[in-house]
Amino acid sequence: MEEFIFLSAQEVIDIQRETLPQGAVVDIDKLEGALGRVANHHHYELCDDIFELAAVYLISIAKAHAFADANKRTAFITCASFLQANGQALRESFFLVKLTVMVAEDRVDINQAAFLLRLLADYYYKSVFGDNDDLPADERECLLYNLTVFTITADDGVGELIAVANSLMDDAELDEMANQIVADYRNPV
């Protein structure tokens, strides 16, 4: 099994405090439970898929509500930090905010979240074209490039994953919720 760098409870607490200095851990047991779900998924499900493990971080921390505030933000930054620590980078994108909202609203499962993280890390494009940086600057076009490469190289089960990608791109309600999160972050009360 592949060795990964996993984040500790203290590292997640530090992430939360960095994003919301007045924040505090509400329940350390909930946080450790969320992190335990990631470790269990890796060990007992024999999961070596970095994006699937990142999705478990995202979902578990967002759902654990271990913090008084900024649970979604902490979940996303922890997910991105895990990917970064293990050699994968997410492209900056508003779609990441929308993905986090989808997780919080139970609109995606682990496999769907992992798929969207792969799209947003340009995984499919890079798997075919290497680190060639010819992707368009527009985030929607970039996502469509990755989705196209995925559909060309995928074997089966693409319909459900394409539907979840379309929801990420075109759901007006998600846009509204994600825009509100960004506005609240930029203009704290």
C-alpha atoms as a PDB file:
ATOM      1  CA  MET A   1       0.000   0.000   0.000  1.00  0.00           C
ATOM      2  CA  GLU A   2       1.183   3.499  -0.815  1.00  0.00           C
ATOM      3  CA  GLU A   3       2.432   5.644   2.061  1.00  0.00           C
ATOM      4  CA  PHE A   4       0.736   9.006   2.490  1.00  0.00           C
ATOM      5  CA  ILE A   5       1.375  11.989   4.708  1.00  0.00           C
ATOM      6  CA  PHE A   6      -1.750  12.293   6.859  1.00  0.00           C
ATOM      7  CA  LEU A   7      -2.674  15.395   8.822  1.00  0.00           C
ATOM      8  CA  SER A   8      -2.859  15.279  12.611  1.00  0.00           C
ATOM      9  CA  ALA A   9      -5.642  16.718  14.743  1.00  0.00           C
ATOM     10  CA  GLN A  10      -3.297  19.521  15.820  1.00  0.00           C
ATOM     11  CA  GLU A  11      -2.530  20.398  12.191  1.00  0.00           C
ATOM     12  CA  VAL A  12      -6.258  20.611  11.424  1.00  0.00           C
ATOM     13  CA  ILE A  13      -6.806  22.763  14.517  1.00  0.00           C
ATOM     14  CA  ASP A  14      -3.980  25.029  13.318  1.00  0.00           C
ATOM     15  CA  ILE A  15      -5.632  25.267   9.889  1.00  0.00           C
ATOM     16  CA  GLN A  16      -8.922  26.231  11.516  1.00  0.00           C
ATOM     17  CA  ARG A  17      -7.260  28.850  13.733  1.00  0.00           C
ATOM     18  CA  GLU A  18      -5.412  30.289  10.745  1.00  0.00           C
ATOM     19  CA  THR A  19      -8.636  30.717   8.787  1.00  0.00           C
ATOM     20  CA  LEU A  20     -10.671  31.928  11.748  1.00  0.00           C
ATOM     21  CA  PRO A  21      -8.409  33.198  14.559  1.00  0.00           C
ATOM     22  CA  GLN A  22     -11.263  33.535  17.060  1.00  0.00           C
ATOM     23  CA  GLY A  23     -12.419  29.985  16.337  1.00  0.00           C
ATOM     24  CA  ALA A  24     -12.090  27.108  18.731  1.00  0.00           C
ATOM     25  CA  VAL A  25     -12.458  23.361  18.770  1.00  0.00           C
ATOM     26  CA  VAL A  26     -15.912  22.506  19.999  1.00  0.00           C
ATOM     27  CA  ASP A  27     -15.346  18.777  20.288  1.00  0.00           C
ATOM     28  CA  ILE A  28     -11.909  17.199  19.876  1.00  0.00           C
ATOM     29  CA  ASP A  29     -13.541  13.742  19.818  1.00  0.00           C
ATOM     30  CA  LYS A  30     -15.555  14.733  16.742  1.00  0.00           C
ATOM     31  CA  LEU A  31     -12.393  15.971  15.015  1.00  0.00           C
ATOM     32  CA  GLU A  32     -10.466  12.822  15.900  1.00  0.00           C
ATOM     33  CA  GLY A  33     -13.432  10.758  14.710  1.00  0.00           C
ATOM     34  CA  ALA A  34     -13.371  12.558  11.358  1.00  0.00           C
ATOM     35  CA  LEU A  35      -9.633  11.982  11.000  1.00  0.00           C
ATOM     36  CA  GLY A  36     -10.134   8.369  12.067  1.00  0.00           C
ATOM     37  CA  ARG A  37     -12.538   7.891   9.156  1.00  0.00           C
ATOM     38  CA  VAL A  38      -9.723   8.865   6.780  1.00  0.00           C
ATOM     39  CA  ALA A  39      -7.257   6.453   8.423  1.00  0.00           C
ATOM     40  CA  ASN A  40      -9.846   3.657   8.470  1.00  0.00           C
ATOM     41  CA  HIS A  41     -10.708   4.233   4.817  1.00  0.00           C
ATOM     42  CA  HIS A  42      -7.027   3.934   3.950  1.00  0.00           C
ATOM     43  CA  HIS A  43      -6.330   0.851   6.081  1.00  0.00           C
ATOM     44  CA  TYR A  44      -9.559  -1.165   6.081  1.00  0.00           C
ATOM     45  CA  GLU A  45     -10.831  -0.268   2.615  1.00  0.00           C
ATOM     46  CA  LEU A  46      -7.251  -0.624   1.302  1.00  0.00           C
ATOM     47  CA  CYS A  47      -7.635   2.750  -0.380  1.00  0.00           C
ATOM     48  CA  ASP A  48      -4.540   3.999  -2.193  1.00  0.00           C
ATOM     49  CA  ASP A  49      -6.394   6.675  -4.161  1.00  0.00           C
ATOM     50  CA  ILE A  50      -5.162  10.070  -2.971  1.00  0.00           C
ATOM     51  CA  PHE A  51      -8.251  11.845  -4.313  1.00  0.00           C
ATOM     52  CA  GLU A  52     -10.600   9.422  -2.589  1.00  0.00           C
ATOM     53  CA  LEU A  53      -8.756   9.947   0.703  1.00  0.00           C
ATOM     54  CA  ALA A  54      -8.891  13.725   0.163  1.00  0.00           C
ATOM     55  CA  ALA A  55     -12.641  13.407  -0.415  1.00  0.00           C
ATOM     56  CA  VAL A  56     -12.973  11.534   2.881  1.00  0.00           C
ATOM     57  CA  TYR A  57     -11.123  14.396   4.605  1.00  0.00           C
ATOM     58  CA  LEU A  58     -13.451  16.921   2.972  1.00  0.00           C
ATOM     59  CA  ILE A  59     -16.652  15.065   3.810  1.00  0.00           C
ATOM     60  CA  SER A  60     -15.681  13.856   7.284  1.00  0.00           C
ATOM     61  CA  ILE A  61     -14.474  17.206   8.605  1.00  0.00           C
ATOM     62  CA  ALA A  62     -17.343  19.153   7.033  1.00  0.00           C
ATOM     63  CA  LYS A  63     -19.866  16.751   8.582  1.00  0.00           C
ATOM     64  CA  ALA A  64     -18.184  16.362  11.992  1.00  0.00           C
ATOM     65  CA  HIS A  65     -18.941  19.935  13.089  1.00  0.00           C
ATOM     66  CA  ALA A  66     -15.978  19.815  15.466  1.00  0.00           C
ATOM     67  CA  PHE A  67     -15.621  23.601  15.337  1.00  0.00           C
ATOM     68  CA  ALA A  68     -17.909  26.442  16.350  1.00  0.00           C
ATOM     69  CA  ASP A  69     -17.552  27.980  12.886  1.00  0.00           C
ATOM     70  CA  ALA A  70     -15.733  27.548   9.562  1.00  0.00           C
ATOM     71  CA  ASN A  71     -16.210  23.767   9.356  1.00  0.00           C
ATOM     72  CA  LYS A  72     -16.580  23.799   5.552  1.00  0.00           C
ATOM     73  CA  ARG A  73     -13.581  26.095   5.122  1.00  0.00           C
ATOM     74  CA  THR A  74     -11.480  23.975   7.472  1.00  0.00           C
ATOM     75  CA  ALA A  75     -12.587  20.803   5.673  1.00  0.00           C
ATOM     76  CA  PHE A  76     -11.626  22.196   2.279  1.00  0.00           C
ATOM     77  CA  ILE A  77      -8.250  23.587   3.384  1.00  0.00           C
ATOM     78  CA  THR A  78      -7.446  20.299   5.132  1.00  0.00           C
ATOM     79  CA  CYS A  79      -8.368  18.383   1.966  1.00  0.00           C
ATOM     80  CA  ALA A  80      -6.195  20.682  -0.175  1.00  0.00           C
ATOM     81  CA  SER A  81      -3.331  20.504   2.355  1.00  0.00           C
ATOM     82  CA  PHE A  82      -3.445  16.701   2.307  1.00  0.00           C
ATOM     83  CA  LEU A  83      -3.270  16.703  -1.485  1.00  0.00           C
ATOM     84  CA  GLN A  84      -0.429  19.255  -1.486  1.00  0.00           C
ATOM     85  CA  ALA A  85       1.555  17.319   1.146  1.00  0.00           C
ATOM     86  CA  ASN A  86       1.308  14.261  -1.097  1.00  0.00           C
ATOM     87  CA  GLY A  87       2.310  15.917  -4.370  1.00  0.00           C
ATOM     88  CA  GLN A  88      -1.049  16.907  -5.863  1.00  0.00           C
ATOM     89  CA  ALA A  89      -2.159  20.500  -6.278  1.00  0.00           C
ATOM     90  CA  LEU A  90      -5.636  21.823  -6.854  1.00  0.00           C
ATOM     91  CA  ARG A  91      -6.020  24.646  -9.323  1.00  0.00           C
ATOM     92  CA  GLU A  92      -7.533  27.770  -7.754  1.00  0.00           C
ATOM     93  CA  SER A  93     -11.175  27.723  -8.748  1.00  0.00           C
ATOM     94  CA  PHE A  94     -14.592  28.897  -7.635  1.00  0.00           C
ATOM     95  CA  PHE A  95     -15.673  25.326  -8.387  1.00  0.00           C
ATOM     96  CA  LEU A  96     -13.831  24.256  -5.220  1.00  0.00           C
ATOM     97  CA  VAL A  97     -16.173  26.434  -3.153  1.00  0.00           C
ATOM     98  CA  LYS A  98     -19.116  24.866  -4.963  1.00  0.00           C
ATOM     99  CA  LEU A  99     -17.753  21.361  -4.349  1.00  0.00           C
ATOM    100  CA  THR A 100     -17.498  22.134  -0.639  1.00  0.00           C
ATOM    101  CA  VAL A 101     -21.128  23.299  -0.654  1.00  0.00           C
ATOM    102  CA  MET A 102     -22.122  20.111  -2.489  1.00  0.00           C
ATOM    103  CA  VAL A 103     -20.432  18.085   0.268  1.00  0.00           C
ATOM    104  CA  ALA A 104     -22.138  20.056   3.047  1.00  0.00           C
ATOM    105  CA  GLU A 105     -25.519  19.683   1.339  1.00  0.00           C
ATOM    106  CA  ASP A 106     -25.102  15.889   0.821  1.00  0.00           C
ATOM    107  CA  ARG A 107     -25.170  16.275  -2.958  1.00  0.00           C
ATOM    108  CA  VAL A 108     -22.094  14.104  -3.558  1.00  0.00           C
ATOM    109  CA  ASP A 109     -20.714  10.898  -2.112  1.00  0.00           C
ATOM    110  CA  ILE A 110     -17.042  10.027  -1.605  1.00  0.00           C
ATOM    111  CA  ASN A 111     -16.546   8.679  -5.138  1.00  0.00           C
ATOM    112  CA  GLN A 112     -18.205  11.691  -6.747  1.00  0.00           C
ATOM    113  CA  ALA A 113     -16.228  14.142  -4.601  1.00  0.00           C
ATOM    114  CA  ALA A 114     -13.004  12.292  -5.476  1.00  0.00           C
ATOM    115  CA  PHE A 115     -13.888  12.502  -9.171  1.00  0.00           C
ATOM    116  CA  LEU A 116     -14.497  16.259  -8.931  1.00  0.00           C
ATOM    117  CA  LEU A 117     -11.220  16.726  -7.039  1.00  0.00           C
ATOM    118  CA  ARG A 118      -9.429  14.856  -9.842  1.00  0.00           C
ATOM    119  CA  LEU A 119     -11.039  17.180 -12.394  1.00  0.00           C
ATOM    120  CA  LEU A 120     -10.027  20.249 -10.389  1.00  0.00           C
ATOM    121  CA  ALA A 121      -6.448  18.996 -10.024  1.00  0.00           C
ATOM    122  CA  ASP A 122      -6.238  18.493 -13.811  1.00  0.00           C
ATOM    123  CA  TYR A 123      -5.516  14.824 -13.102  1.00  0.00           C
ATOM    124  CA  TYR A 124      -7.081  13.443 -16.293  1.00  0.00           C
ATOM    125  CA  TYR A 125      -5.452  16.023 -18.549  1.00  0.00           C
ATOM    126  CA  LYS A 126      -2.027  15.480 -16.935  1.00  0.00           C
ATOM    127  CA  SER A 127      -2.382  11.690 -17.142  1.00  0.00           C
ATOM    128  CA  VAL A 128      -2.571  11.989 -20.936  1.00  0.00           C
ATOM    129  CA  PHE A 129      -0.517  15.104 -21.712  1.00  0.00           C
ATOM    130  CA  GLY A 130       1.896  15.253 -18.753  1.00  0.00           C
ATOM    131  CA  ASP A 131       2.653  18.537 -17.042  1.00  0.00           C
ATOM    132  CA  ASN A 132       2.182  20.446 -20.290  1.00  0.00           C
ATOM    133  CA  ASP A 133       0.417  23.613 -19.169  1.00  0.00           C
ATOM    134  CA  ASP A 134      -1.696  24.251 -22.272  1.00  0.00           C
ATOM    135  CA  LEU A 135      -4.971  24.327 -20.373  1.00  0.00           C
ATOM    136  CA  PRO A 136      -7.130  27.405 -20.888  1.00  0.00           C
ATOM    137  CA  ALA A 137      -7.188  30.100 -18.208  1.00  0.00           C
ATOM    138  CA  ASP A 138     -10.990  30.033 -17.973  1.00  0.00           C
ATOM    139  CA  GLU A 139     -11.881  27.633 -15.148  1.00  0.00           C
ATOM    140  CA  ARG A 140     -15.025  26.330 -16.862  1.00  0.00           C
ATOM    141  CA  GLU A 141     -13.127  25.561 -20.077  1.00  0.00           C
ATOM    142  CA  CYS A 142     -10.370  23.928 -18.050  1.00  0.00           C
ATOM    143  CA  LEU A 143     -12.901  21.717 -16.281  1.00  0.00           C
ATOM    144  CA  LEU A 144     -14.448  20.800 -19.639  1.00  0.00           C
ATOM    145  CA  TYR A 145     -11.012  19.855 -21.038  1.00  0.00           C
ATOM    146  CA  ASN A 146     -10.470  17.504 -18.097  1.00  0.00           C
ATOM    147  CA  LEU A 147     -13.994  16.123 -18.413  1.00  0.00           C
ATOM    148  CA  THR A 148     -13.446  15.458 -22.121  1.00  0.00           C
ATOM    149  CA  VAL A 149     -10.187  13.593 -21.474  1.00  0.00           C
ATOM    150  CA  PHE A 150     -11.957  11.605 -18.748  1.00  0.00           C
ATOM    151  CA  THR A 151     -14.824  10.558 -21.036  1.00  0.00           C
ATOM    152  CA  ILE A 152     -12.394   9.476 -23.748  1.00  0.00           C
ATOM    153  CA  THR A 153     -10.301   7.369 -21.364  1.00  0.00           C
ATOM    154  CA  ALA A 154     -13.031   6.018 -19.036  1.00  0.00           C
ATOM    155  CA  ASP A 155     -14.379   2.500 -19.257  1.00  0.00           C
ATOM    156  CA  ASP A 156     -17.840   2.642 -17.737  1.00  0.00           C
ATOM    157  CA  GLY A 157     -20.047   4.417 -15.236  1.00  0.00           C
ATOM    158  CA  VAL A 158     -19.369   7.817 -16.752  1.00  0.00           C
ATOM    159  CA  GLY A 159     -22.979   8.993 -16.878  1.00  0.00           C
ATOM    160  CA  GLU A 160     -23.345   9.579 -13.135  1.00  0.00           C
ATOM    161  CA  LEU A 161     -19.956  11.289 -12.894  1.00  0.00           C
ATOM    162  CA  ILE A 162     -20.677  13.559 -15.854  1.00  0.00           C
ATOM    163  CA  ALA A 163     -24.001  14.481 -14.229  1.00  0.00           C
ATOM    164  CA  VAL A 164     -22.268  15.472 -10.988  1.00  0.00           C
ATOM    165  CA  ALA A 165     -19.718  17.538 -12.966  1.00  0.00           C
ATOM    166  CA  ASN A 166     -22.571  19.284 -14.778  1.00  0.00           C
ATOM    167  CA  SER A 167     -24.191  20.022 -11.436  1.00  0.00           C
ATOM    168  CA  LEU A 168     -20.914  21.537 -10.246  1.00  0.00           C
ATOM    169  CA  MET A 169     -20.808  23.812 -13.298  1.00  0.00           C
ATOM    170  CA  ASP A 170     -24.455  24.709 -13.861  1.00  0.00           C
ATOM    171  CA  ASP A 171     -26.477  24.526 -10.625  1.00  0.00           C
ATOM    172  CA  ALA A 172     -27.781  28.059  -9.935  1.00  0.00           C
ATOM    173  CA  GLU A 173     -28.662  27.240  -6.325  1.00  0.00           C
ATOM    174  CA  LEU A 174     -25.090  26.050  -5.727  1.00  0.00           C
ATOM    175  CA  ASP A 175     -23.798  29.251  -7.323  1.00  0.00           C
ATOM    176  CA  GLU A 176     -25.909  31.320  -4.959  1.00  0.00           C
ATOM    177  CA  MET A 177     -24.800  29.407  -1.844  1.00  0.00           C
ATOM    178  CA  ALA A 178     -21.129  29.468  -2.873  1.00  0.00           C
ATOM    179  CA  ASN A 179     -21.265  33.186  -3.674  1.00  0.00           C
ATOM    180  CA  GLN A 180     -22.752  33.828  -0.225  1.00  0.00           C
ATOM    181  CA  ILE A 181     -19.932  31.879   1.427  1.00  0.00           C
ATOM    182  CA  VAL A 182     -17.327  33.893  -0.475  1.00  0.00           C
ATOM    183  CA  ALA A 183     -19.098  37.168   0.366  1.00  0.00           C
ATOM    184  CA  ASP A 184     -19.293  36.238   4.064  1.00  0.00           C
ATOM    185  CA  TYR A 185     -15.612  35.343   4.054  1.00  0.00           C
ATOM    186  CA  ARG A 186     -14.607  38.610   2.376  1.00  0.00           C
ATOM    187  CA  ASN A 187     -16.903  40.737   4.573  1.00  0.00           C
ATOM    188  CA  PRO A 188     -16.930  39.221   8.064  1.00  0.00           C
ATOM    189  CA  VAL A 189     -19.440  40.601  10.525  1.00  0.00           C
END
